[in-house]
Amino acid sequence: MERDIATRLALLRNAPALSAVPRVPPERLHQLKGHRKNQFAIDLTHPFRLVFVPDHKPLPLRDEGGIDLTSVTSIMIVEIVDYH
């Protein structure tokens, strides 16, 4: 899993904004729901995920609602976890 973590961290570090992170495997960026609603995850070695939040105050929001991924340029990693 160490290689997956390093690869994903490099991807996140080099992305100009969160909108540049692929939503398809192997990274599969996805926003979480429920009590994790403002958190995002990318896949690591199954079933683990790298979970993070936008590091912006206030959160950049779209006019129609939701987080504006084109404006998320800084994140804070929360954990590496199997939340399933």
Protein backbone atom coordinates (compact mmCIF):
# COMPACT_ATOMS: atom_id res chain seq x y z
CA MET A 1 0.00 0.00 0.00
CA GLU A 2 3.00 2.29 0.50
CA ARG A 3 3.40 2.72 -3.27
CA ASP A 4 -0.32 3.57 -3.70
CA ILE A 5 -0.12 6.16 -0.92
CA ALA A 6 2.97 7.79 -2.44
CA THR A 7 1.38 7.83 -5.91
CA ARG A 8 -1.87 9.37 -4.66
CA LEU A 9 -0.05 11.99 -2.57
CA ALA A 10 2.02 12.98 -5.60
CA LEU A 11 -1.14 13.24 -7.71
CA LEU A 12 -2.82 15.45 -5.11
CA ARG A 13 0.30 17.58 -4.67
CA ASN A 14 0.64 18.17 -8.42
CA ALA A 15 -3.04 18.79 -9.22
CA PRO A 16 -3.77 22.49 -9.77
CA ALA A 17 -7.21 21.95 -8.17
CA LEU A 18 -9.28 19.04 -6.89
CA SER A 19 -11.23 19.05 -10.15
CA ALA A 20 -8.07 17.70 -11.88
CA VAL A 21 -8.06 14.48 -9.84
CA PRO A 22 -9.59 11.61 -11.85
CA ARG A 23 -13.00 10.28 -10.84
CA VAL A 24 -12.29 6.90 -12.42
CA PRO A 25 -10.00 4.12 -11.18
CA PRO A 26 -7.31 3.80 -10.09
CA GLU A 27 -7.67 7.07 -8.14
CA ARG A 28 -11.47 7.39 -8.19
CA LEU A 29 -11.99 10.68 -6.37
CA HIS A 30 -15.39 10.69 -4.68
CA GLN A 31 -17.19 12.88 -2.18
CA LEU A 32 -18.44 11.08 0.91
CA LYS A 33 -21.90 11.28 2.45
CA GLY A 34 -23.60 11.26 5.83
CA HIS A 35 -21.42 12.31 8.75
CA ARG A 36 -18.50 12.57 6.27
CA LYS A 37 -20.37 14.91 3.88
CA ASN A 38 -17.58 17.49 3.35
CA GLN A 39 -14.90 14.81 3.07
CA PHE A 40 -13.46 13.27 -0.07
CA ALA A 41 -11.65 10.00 -0.66
CA ILE A 42 -9.45 8.39 -3.24
CA ASP A 43 -8.86 4.68 -3.53
CA LEU A 44 -5.76 2.97 -2.21
CA THR A 45 -5.24 -0.78 -1.93
CA HIS A 46 -8.74 -2.25 -1.56
CA PRO A 47 -10.56 -1.64 0.77
CA PHE A 48 -8.53 1.31 2.10
CA ARG A 49 -9.15 4.95 1.22
CA LEU A 50 -7.19 8.18 1.67
CA VAL A 51 -9.72 10.57 3.24
CA PHE A 52 -9.25 14.34 3.16
CA VAL A 53 -11.10 17.65 3.42
CA PRO A 54 -10.72 20.93 1.53
CA ASP A 55 -8.47 23.22 3.58
CA HIS A 56 -10.34 26.44 2.86
CA LYS A 57 -12.30 28.71 5.18
CA PRO A 58 -14.93 29.29 4.04
CA LEU A 59 -15.44 26.31 1.77
CA PRO A 60 -15.59 27.33 -1.90
CA LEU A 61 -19.17 26.65 -2.94
CA ARG A 62 -20.88 26.61 -6.33
CA ASP A 63 -23.88 28.90 -6.85
CA GLU A 64 -26.11 25.85 -7.41
CA GLY A 65 -24.78 24.19 -4.23
CA GLY A 66 -21.99 21.78 -3.43
CA ILE A 67 -18.25 22.30 -3.17
CA ASP A 68 -16.55 24.00 -6.12
CA LEU A 69 -13.78 21.52 -6.96
CA THR A 70 -12.15 23.97 -9.36
CA SER A 71 -11.46 26.26 -6.38
CA VAL A 72 -10.15 23.60 -3.98
CA THR A 73 -6.38 24.09 -4.14
CA SER A 74 -5.47 22.99 -0.62
CA ILE A 75 -6.48 19.88 1.32
CA MET A 76 -5.92 18.39 4.76
CA ILE A 77 -5.58 14.62 5.03
CA VAL A 78 -7.85 13.18 7.71
CA GLU A 79 -7.00 9.48 7.68
CA ILE A 80 -6.30 6.29 5.80
CA VAL A 81 -9.17 3.95 6.61
CA ASP A 82 -11.44 1.13 5.57
CA TYR A 83 -14.79 2.81 6.30
CA HIS A 84 -16.93 0.10 4.71
